[in-house]
Amino acid sequence: MQHHYFYILYSPNADKYYTGHTRDLPGRLRRHNSEHKGYTGGWSDWGIVCTETYATKEEAYQREREVKSWKSRKRIEELLQKKPA
């Protein structure tokens, strides 16, 4: 069974968080850290600070939409504080 992941990235240089979902975390992180025109393309220091595993793509995408709907750095940081290291 293939797992799907919701993830949160953080860039120290940009001091920003990014949320997304994928089946391939290592490959997706490489793409975020490559030069491209998207939101994460301006920085190459993105690191994964949170992952959650889901059985389906739809569940992972639903979680991504939920967190993005918060539009709140404070709530993301509260979520990160609750996660085990």
PDB file of N, CA and C in Angstrom:
ATOM      1  N   MET A   1       0.839  -1.187   0.000  1.00  0.00           N
ATOM      2  CA  MET A   1       0.000   0.000   0.000  1.00  0.00           C
ATOM      3  C   MET A   1       0.885   1.252   0.000  1.00  0.00           C
ATOM      4  N   GLN A   2       0.586   2.152  -0.876  1.00  0.00           N
ATOM      5  CA  GLN A   2       1.342   3.406  -1.004  1.00  0.00           C
ATOM      6  C   GLN A   2       0.813   4.428  -0.001  1.00  0.00           C
ATOM      7  N   HIS A   3       1.714   5.040   0.759  1.00  0.00           N
ATOM      8  CA  HIS A   3       1.319   6.082   1.701  1.00  0.00           C
ATOM      9  C   HIS A   3       1.336   7.444   1.023  1.00  0.00           C
ATOM     10  N   HIS A   4       0.539   8.336   1.539  1.00  0.00           N
ATOM     11  CA  HIS A   4       0.495   9.721   1.088  1.00  0.00           C
ATOM     12  C   HIS A   4       0.795  10.592   2.302  1.00  0.00           C
ATOM     13  N   TYR A   5       1.485  11.690   2.075  1.00  0.00           N
ATOM     14  CA  TYR A   5       1.953  12.510   3.176  1.00  0.00           C
ATOM     15  C   TYR A   5       1.475  13.949   3.048  1.00  0.00           C
ATOM     16  N   PHE A   6       1.074  14.497   4.167  1.00  0.00           N
ATOM     17  CA  PHE A   6       0.916  15.938   4.331  1.00  0.00           C
ATOM     18  C   PHE A   6       2.218  16.382   4.982  1.00  0.00           C
ATOM     19  N   TYR A   7       2.772  17.511   4.541  1.00  0.00           N
ATOM     20  CA  TYR A   7       4.042  17.956   5.116  1.00  0.00           C
ATOM     21  C   TYR A   7       4.063  19.471   5.294  1.00  0.00           C
ATOM     22  N   ILE A   8       4.907  19.886   6.211  1.00  0.00           N
ATOM     23  CA  ILE A   8       5.185  21.307   6.411  1.00  0.00           C
ATOM     24  C   ILE A   8       6.695  21.484   6.283  1.00  0.00           C
ATOM     25  N   LEU A   9       7.086  22.437   5.455  1.00  0.00           N
ATOM     26  CA  LEU A   9       8.491  22.792   5.288  1.00  0.00           C
ATOM     27  C   LEU A   9       8.742  24.134   5.963  1.00  0.00           C
ATOM     28  N   TYR A  10      10.007  24.357   6.325  1.00  0.00           N
ATOM     29  CA  TYR A  10      10.404  25.661   6.859  1.00  0.00           C
ATOM     30  C   TYR A  10      11.718  26.073   6.214  1.00  0.00           C
ATOM     31  N   SER A  11      11.813  27.351   5.844  1.00  0.00           N
ATOM     32  CA  SER A  11      13.039  27.926   5.300  1.00  0.00           C
ATOM     33  C   SER A  11      13.558  28.970   6.282  1.00  0.00           C
ATOM     34  N   PRO A  12      14.714  28.729   6.906  1.00  0.00           N
ATOM     35  CA  PRO A  12      15.279  29.732   7.806  1.00  0.00           C
ATOM     36  C   PRO A  12      15.613  31.049   7.096  1.00  0.00           C
ATOM     37  N   ASN A  13      16.119  30.981   5.873  1.00  0.00           N
ATOM     38  CA  ASN A  13      16.479  32.211   5.156  1.00  0.00           C
ATOM     39  C   ASN A  13      15.253  33.052   4.823  1.00  0.00           C
ATOM     40  N   ALA A  14      14.171  32.407   4.437  1.00  0.00           N
ATOM     41  CA  ALA A  14      12.938  33.129   4.117  1.00  0.00           C
ATOM     42  C   ALA A  14      12.100  33.385   5.369  1.00  0.00           C
ATOM     43  N   ASP A  15      12.345  32.609   6.429  1.00  0.00           N
ATOM     44  CA  ASP A  15      11.545  32.627   7.655  1.00  0.00           C
ATOM     45  C   ASP A  15      10.068  32.410   7.304  1.00  0.00           C
ATOM     46  N   LYS A  16       9.827  31.361   6.503  1.00  0.00           N
ATOM     47  CA  LYS A  16       8.469  31.040   6.046  1.00  0.00           C
ATOM     48  C   LYS A  16       8.216  29.542   6.145  1.00  0.00           C
ATOM     49  N   TYR A  17       6.927  29.218   6.252  1.00  0.00           N
ATOM     50  CA  TYR A  17       6.469  27.834   6.214  1.00  0.00           C
ATOM     51  C   TYR A  17       5.782  27.586   4.882  1.00  0.00           C
ATOM     52  N   TYR A  18       5.796  26.320   4.474  1.00  0.00           N
ATOM     53  CA  TYR A  18       5.104  25.902   3.259  1.00  0.00           C
ATOM     54  C   TYR A  18       4.430  24.569   3.564  1.00  0.00           C
ATOM     55  N   THR A  19       3.184  24.398   3.153  1.00  0.00           N
ATOM     56  CA  THR A  19       2.486  23.132   3.354  1.00  0.00           C
ATOM     57  C   THR A  19       2.177  22.493   2.007  1.00  0.00           C
ATOM     58  N   GLY A  20       2.174  21.167   1.996  1.00  0.00           N
ATOM     59  CA  GLY A  20       1.860  20.448   0.769  1.00  0.00           C
ATOM     60  C   GLY A  20       1.519  19.002   1.046  1.00  0.00           C
ATOM     61  N   HIS A  21       1.312  18.231  -0.022  1.00  0.00           N
ATOM     62  CA  HIS A  21       1.081  16.797   0.102  1.00  0.00           C
ATOM     63  C   HIS A  21       1.766  16.087  -1.061  1.00  0.00           C
ATOM     64  N   THR A  22       2.164  14.832  -0.836  1.00  0.00           N
ATOM     65  CA  THR A  22       2.905  14.076  -1.840  1.00  0.00           C
ATOM     66  C   THR A  22       2.934  12.599  -1.476  1.00  0.00           C
ATOM     67  N   ARG A  23       3.359  11.774  -2.423  1.00  0.00           N
ATOM     68  CA  ARG A  23       3.670  10.369  -2.139  1.00  0.00           C
ATOM     69  C   ARG A  23       5.177  10.183  -1.984  1.00  0.00           C
ATOM     70  N   ASP A  24       5.955  11.118  -2.493  1.00  0.00           N
ATOM     71  CA  ASP A  24       7.415  10.983  -2.547  1.00  0.00           C
ATOM     72  C   ASP A  24       8.073  12.154  -1.801  1.00  0.00           C
ATOM     73  N   LEU A  25       8.238  12.019  -0.491  1.00  0.00           N
ATOM     74  CA  LEU A  25       8.806  13.119   0.291  1.00  0.00           C
ATOM     75  C   LEU A  25      10.223  13.511  -0.146  1.00  0.00           C
ATOM     76  N   PRO A  26      11.149  12.560  -0.292  1.00  0.00           N
ATOM     77  CA  PRO A  26      12.507  12.965  -0.692  1.00  0.00           C
ATOM     78  C   PRO A  26      12.547  13.687  -2.039  1.00  0.00           C
ATOM     79  N   GLY A  27      11.820  13.156  -3.008  1.00  0.00           N
ATOM     80  CA  GLY A  27      11.793  13.775  -4.340  1.00  0.00           C
ATOM     81  C   GLY A  27      11.136  15.143  -4.305  1.00  0.00           C
ATOM     82  N   ARG A  28      10.073  15.258  -3.536  1.00  0.00           N
ATOM     83  CA  ARG A  28       9.368  16.543  -3.451  1.00  0.00           C
ATOM     84  C   ARG A  28      10.243  17.584  -2.783  1.00  0.00           C
ATOM     85  N   LEU A  29      10.968  17.206  -1.736  1.00  0.00           N
ATOM     86  CA  LEU A  29      11.863  18.147  -1.061  1.00  0.00           C
ATOM     87  C   LEU A  29      12.970  18.613  -2.014  1.00  0.00           C
ATOM     88  N   ARG A  30      13.509  17.695  -2.803  1.00  0.00           N
ATOM     89  CA  ARG A  30      14.530  18.086  -3.791  1.00  0.00           C
ATOM     90  C   ARG A  30      13.976  19.129  -4.756  1.00  0.00           C
ATOM     91  N   ARG A  31      12.742  18.931  -5.217  1.00  0.00           N
ATOM     92  CA  ARG A  31      12.148  19.893  -6.148  1.00  0.00           C
ATOM     93  C   ARG A  31      11.919  21.253  -5.482  1.00  0.00           C
ATOM     94  N   HIS A  32      11.494  21.245  -4.219  1.00  0.00           N
ATOM     95  CA  HIS A  32      11.309  22.521  -3.510  1.00  0.00           C
ATOM     96  C   HIS A  32      12.637  23.272  -3.380  1.00  0.00           C
ATOM     97  N   ASN A  33      13.729  22.548  -3.214  1.00  0.00           N
ATOM     98  CA  ASN A  33      15.028  23.180  -3.016  1.00  0.00           C
ATOM     99  C   ASN A  33      15.772  23.464  -4.316  1.00  0.00           C
ATOM    100  N   SER A  34      15.143  23.205  -5.449  1.00  0.00           N
ATOM    101  CA  SER A  34      15.757  23.523  -6.739  1.00  0.00           C
ATOM    102  C   SER A  34      15.283  24.903  -7.186  1.00  0.00           C
ATOM    103  N   GLU A  35      16.013  25.499  -8.092  1.00  0.00           N
ATOM    104  CA  GLU A  35      15.601  26.794  -8.630  1.00  0.00           C
ATOM    105  C   GLU A  35      14.410  26.593  -9.562  1.00  0.00           C
ATOM    106  N   HIS A  36      13.321  27.254  -9.240  1.00  0.00           N
ATOM    107  CA  HIS A  36      12.131  27.223 -10.085  1.00  0.00           C
ATOM    108  C   HIS A  36      11.318  28.476  -9.787  1.00  0.00           C
ATOM    109  N   LYS A  37      10.234  28.664 -10.507  1.00  0.00           N
ATOM    110  CA  LYS A  37       9.476  29.910 -10.390  1.00  0.00           C
ATOM    111  C   LYS A  37       8.397  29.885  -9.313  1.00  0.00           C
ATOM    112  N   GLY A  38       8.207  28.772  -8.639  1.00  0.00           N
ATOM    113  CA  GLY A  38       7.149  28.671  -7.642  1.00  0.00           C
ATOM    114  C   GLY A  38       7.482  29.366  -6.332  1.00  0.00           C
ATOM    115  N   TYR A  39       6.576  29.250  -5.371  1.00  0.00           N
ATOM    116  CA  TYR A  39       6.685  29.895  -4.060  1.00  0.00           C
ATOM    117  C   TYR A  39       7.994  29.549  -3.371  1.00  0.00           C
ATOM    118  N   THR A  40       8.419  28.298  -3.433  1.00  0.00           N
ATOM    119  CA  THR A  40       9.620  27.869  -2.708  1.00  0.00           C
ATOM    120  C   THR A  40      10.900  28.048  -3.521  1.00  0.00           C
ATOM    121  N   GLY A  41      10.803  28.461  -4.772  1.00  0.00           N
ATOM    122  CA  GLY A  41      11.956  28.509  -5.662  1.00  0.00           C
ATOM    123  C   GLY A  41      13.020  29.537  -5.327  1.00  0.00           C
ATOM    124  N   GLY A  42      12.686  30.534  -4.551  1.00  0.00           N
ATOM    125  CA  GLY A  42      13.648  31.576  -4.240  1.00  0.00           C
ATOM    126  C   GLY A  42      14.654  31.211  -3.167  1.00  0.00           C
ATOM    127  N   TRP A  43      14.434  30.084  -2.488  1.00  0.00           N
ATOM    128  CA  TRP A  43      15.317  29.663  -1.401  1.00  0.00           C
ATOM    129  C   TRP A  43      15.622  28.188  -1.570  1.00  0.00           C
ATOM    130  N   SER A  44      16.800  27.776  -1.161  1.00  0.00           N
ATOM    131  CA  SER A  44      17.172  26.363  -1.306  1.00  0.00           C
ATOM    132  C   SER A  44      17.505  25.726   0.034  1.00  0.00           C
ATOM    133  N   ASP A  45      16.906  26.253   1.106  1.00  0.00           N
ATOM    134  CA  ASP A  45      17.190  25.725   2.444  1.00  0.00           C
ATOM    135  C   ASP A  45      15.944  25.154   3.118  1.00  0.00           C
ATOM    136  N   TRP A  46      14.960  24.726   2.331  1.00  0.00           N
ATOM    137  CA  TRP A  46      13.735  24.166   2.895  1.00  0.00           C
ATOM    138  C   TRP A  46      14.027  22.846   3.577  1.00  0.00           C
ATOM    139  N   GLY A  47      13.458  22.663   4.761  1.00  0.00           N
ATOM    140  CA  GLY A  47      13.569  21.405   5.486  1.00  0.00           C
ATOM    141  C   GLY A  47      12.209  20.968   5.985  1.00  0.00           C
ATOM    142  N   ILE A  48      12.024  19.671   6.102  1.00  0.00           N
ATOM    143  CA  ILE A  48      10.753  19.136   6.588  1.00  0.00           C
ATOM    144  C   ILE A  48      10.707  19.282   8.104  1.00  0.00           C
ATOM    145  N   VAL A  49       9.658  19.942   8.606  1.00  0.00           N
ATOM    146  CA  VAL A  49       9.492  20.112  10.048  1.00  0.00           C
ATOM    147  C   VAL A  49       8.299  19.323  10.581  1.00  0.00           C
ATOM    148  N   CYS A  50       7.465  18.789   9.695  1.00  0.00           N
ATOM    149  CA  CYS A  50       6.301  18.016  10.121  1.00  0.00           C
ATOM    150  C   CYS A  50       5.814  17.146   8.976  1.00  0.00           C
ATOM    151  N   THR A  51       5.475  15.906   9.287  1.00  0.00           N
ATOM    152  CA  THR A  51       4.803  15.041   8.313  1.00  0.00           C
ATOM    153  C   THR A  51       3.672  14.297   9.011  1.00  0.00           C
ATOM    154  N   GLU A  52       2.639  14.022   8.261  1.00  0.00           N
ATOM    155  CA  GLU A  52       1.538  13.177   8.706  1.00  0.00           C
ATOM    156  C   GLU A  52       1.256  12.205   7.570  1.00  0.00           C
ATOM    157  N   THR A  53       1.010  10.950   7.905  1.00  0.00           N
ATOM    158  CA  THR A  53       0.811   9.900   6.914  1.00  0.00           C
ATOM    159  C   THR A  53      -0.676   9.581   6.769  1.00  0.00           C
ATOM    160  N   TYR A  54      -1.108   9.439   5.515  1.00  0.00           N
ATOM    161  CA  TYR A  54      -2.511   9.128   5.205  1.00  0.00           C
ATOM    162  C   TYR A  54      -2.572   7.977   4.218  1.00  0.00           C
ATOM    163  N   ALA A  55      -3.690   7.286   4.217  1.00  0.00           N
ATOM    164  CA  ALA A  55      -3.876   6.134   3.328  1.00  0.00           C
ATOM    165  C   ALA A  55      -4.182   6.551   1.902  1.00  0.00           C
ATOM    166  N   THR A  56      -4.791   7.734   1.730  1.00  0.00           N
ATOM    167  CA  THR A  56      -5.170   8.157   0.381  1.00  0.00           C
ATOM    168  C   THR A  56      -4.680   9.574   0.094  1.00  0.00           C
ATOM    169  N   LYS A  57      -4.556   9.854  -1.190  1.00  0.00           N
ATOM    170  CA  LYS A  57      -4.178  11.195  -1.639  1.00  0.00           C
ATOM    171  C   LYS A  57      -5.226  12.210  -1.193  1.00  0.00           C
ATOM    172  N   GLU A  58      -6.478  11.829  -1.256  1.00  0.00           N
ATOM    173  CA  GLU A  58      -7.564  12.740  -0.888  1.00  0.00           C
ATOM    174  C   GLU A  58      -7.472  13.164   0.571  1.00  0.00           C
ATOM    175  N   GLU A  59      -7.139  12.222   1.464  1.00  0.00           N
ATOM    176  CA  GLU A  59      -7.001  12.555   2.886  1.00  0.00           C
ATOM    177  C   GLU A  59      -5.832  13.516   3.121  1.00  0.00           C
ATOM    178  N   ALA A  60      -4.711  13.256   2.463  1.00  0.00           N
ATOM    179  CA  ALA A  60      -3.543  14.133   2.619  1.00  0.00           C
ATOM    180  C   ALA A  60      -3.853  15.524   2.077  1.00  0.00           C
ATOM    181  N   TYR A  61      -4.530  15.587   0.937  1.00  0.00           N
ATOM    182  CA  TYR A  61      -4.890  16.875   0.348  1.00  0.00           C
ATOM    183  C   TYR A  61      -5.894  17.620   1.236  1.00  0.00           C
ATOM    184  N   GLN A  62      -6.831  16.901   1.821  1.00  0.00           N
ATOM    185  CA  GLN A  62      -7.804  17.519   2.720  1.00  0.00           C
ATOM    186  C   GLN A  62      -7.099  18.153   3.917  1.00  0.00           C
ATOM    187  N   ARG A  63      -6.103  17.450   4.460  1.00  0.00           N
ATOM    188  CA  ARG A  63      -5.351  18.005   5.595  1.00  0.00           C
ATOM    189  C   ARG A  63      -4.576  19.248   5.168  1.00  0.00           C
ATOM    190  N   GLU A  64      -3.967  19.208   3.987  1.00  0.00           N
ATOM    191  CA  GLU A  64      -3.261  20.383   3.467  1.00  0.00           C
ATOM    192  C   GLU A  64      -4.209  21.578   3.375  1.00  0.00           C
ATOM    193  N   ARG A  65      -5.385  21.371   2.789  1.00  0.00           N
ATOM    194  CA  ARG A  65      -6.362  22.464   2.648  1.00  0.00           C
ATOM    195  C   ARG A  65      -6.796  22.984   4.017  1.00  0.00           C
ATOM    196  N   GLU A  66      -6.955  22.077   4.995  1.00  0.00           N
ATOM    197  CA  GLU A  66      -7.351  22.502   6.339  1.00  0.00           C
ATOM    198  C   GLU A  66      -6.303  23.437   6.942  1.00  0.00           C
ATOM    199  N   VAL A  67      -5.042  23.028   6.896  1.00  0.00           N
ATOM    200  CA  VAL A  67      -3.974  23.845   7.490  1.00  0.00           C
ATOM    201  C   VAL A  67      -3.817  25.153   6.723  1.00  0.00           C
ATOM    202  N   LYS A  68      -3.880  25.108   5.398  1.00  0.00           N
ATOM    203  CA  LYS A  68      -3.772  26.349   4.621  1.00  0.00           C
ATOM    204  C   LYS A  68      -4.931  27.299   4.913  1.00  0.00           C
ATOM    205  N   SER A  69      -6.095  26.756   5.224  1.00  0.00           N
ATOM    206  CA  SER A  69      -7.254  27.608   5.506  1.00  0.00           C
ATOM    207  C   SER A  69      -7.081  28.409   6.801  1.00  0.00           C
ATOM    208  N   TRP A  70      -6.194  27.951   7.669  1.00  0.00           N
ATOM    209  CA  TRP A  70      -5.940  28.687   8.915  1.00  0.00           C
ATOM    210  C   TRP A  70      -5.365  30.062   8.621  1.00  0.00           C
ATOM    211  N   LYS A  71      -4.529  30.154   7.575  1.00  0.00           N
ATOM    212  CA  LYS A  71      -3.838  31.402   7.238  1.00  0.00           C
ATOM    213  C   LYS A  71      -3.193  32.004   8.484  1.00  0.00           C
ATOM    214  N   SER A  72      -2.538  31.132   9.257  1.00  0.00           N
ATOM    215  CA  SER A  72      -2.010  31.557  10.545  1.00  0.00           C
ATOM    216  C   SER A  72      -0.686  30.868  10.858  1.00  0.00           C
ATOM    217  N   ARG A  73       0.368  31.648  10.868  1.00  0.00           N
ATOM    218  CA  ARG A  73       1.676  31.136  11.263  1.00  0.00           C
ATOM    219  C   ARG A  73       1.626  30.643  12.709  1.00  0.00           C
ATOM    220  N   LYS A  74       0.910  31.378  13.556  1.00  0.00           N
ATOM    221  CA  LYS A  74       0.815  31.013  14.969  1.00  0.00           C
ATOM    222  C   LYS A  74       0.209  29.618  15.134  1.00  0.00           C
ATOM    223  N   ARG A  75      -0.848  29.319  14.392  1.00  0.00           N
ATOM    224  CA  ARG A  75      -1.480  27.994  14.499  1.00  0.00           C
ATOM    225  C   ARG A  75      -0.569  26.896  13.966  1.00  0.00           C
ATOM    226  N   ILE A  76       0.186  27.178  12.917  1.00  0.00           N
ATOM    227  CA  ILE A  76       1.148  26.193  12.406  1.00  0.00           C
ATOM    228  C   ILE A  76       2.206  25.925  13.465  1.00  0.00           C
ATOM    229  N   GLU A  77       2.709  26.977  14.093  1.00  0.00           N
ATOM    230  CA  GLU A  77       3.738  26.800  15.126  1.00  0.00           C
ATOM    231  C   GLU A  77       3.172  26.074  16.340  1.00  0.00           C
ATOM    232  N   GLU A  78       1.902  26.295  16.677  1.00  0.00           N
ATOM    233  CA  GLU A  78       1.264  25.547  17.764  1.00  0.00           C
ATOM    234  C   GLU A  78       1.164  24.060  17.400  1.00  0.00           C
ATOM    235  N   LEU A  79       0.816  23.759  16.147  1.00  0.00           N
ATOM    236  CA  LEU A  79       0.764  22.382  15.681  1.00  0.00           C
ATOM    237  C   LEU A  79       2.139  21.734  15.803  1.00  0.00           C
ATOM    238  N   LEU A  80       3.183  22.449  15.404  1.00  0.00           N
ATOM    239  CA  LEU A  80       4.539  21.911  15.468  1.00  0.00           C
ATOM    240  C   LEU A  80       4.969  21.644  16.914  1.00  0.00           C
ATOM    241  N   GLN A  81       4.531  22.472  17.847  1.00  0.00           N
ATOM    242  CA  GLN A  81       4.873  22.286  19.261  1.00  0.00           C
ATOM    243  C   GLN A  81       4.234  21.011  19.822  1.00  0.00           C
ATOM    244  N   LYS A  82       3.086  20.621  19.306  1.00  0.00           N
ATOM    245  CA  LYS A  82       2.360  19.449  19.788  1.00  0.00           C
ATOM    246  C   LYS A  82       2.922  18.149  19.231  1.00  0.00           C
ATOM    247  N   LYS A  83       3.648  18.232  18.108  1.00  0.00           N
ATOM    248  CA  LYS A  83       4.184  17.032  17.467  1.00  0.00           C
ATOM    249  C   LYS A  83       5.396  16.522  18.240  1.00  0.00           C
ATOM    250  N   PRO A  84       5.527  15.192  18.399  1.00  0.00           N
ATOM    251  CA  PRO A  84       6.733  14.654  19.039  1.00  0.00           C
ATOM    252  C   PRO A  84       7.959  14.885  18.164  1.00  0.00           C
ATOM    253  N   ALA A  85       9.067  15.098  18.795  1.00  0.00           N
ATOM    254  CA  ALA A  85      10.318  15.377  18.068  1.00  0.00           C
ATOM    255  C   ALA A  85      10.842  14.155  17.350  1.00  0.00           C
TER     256      ALA A  85
END
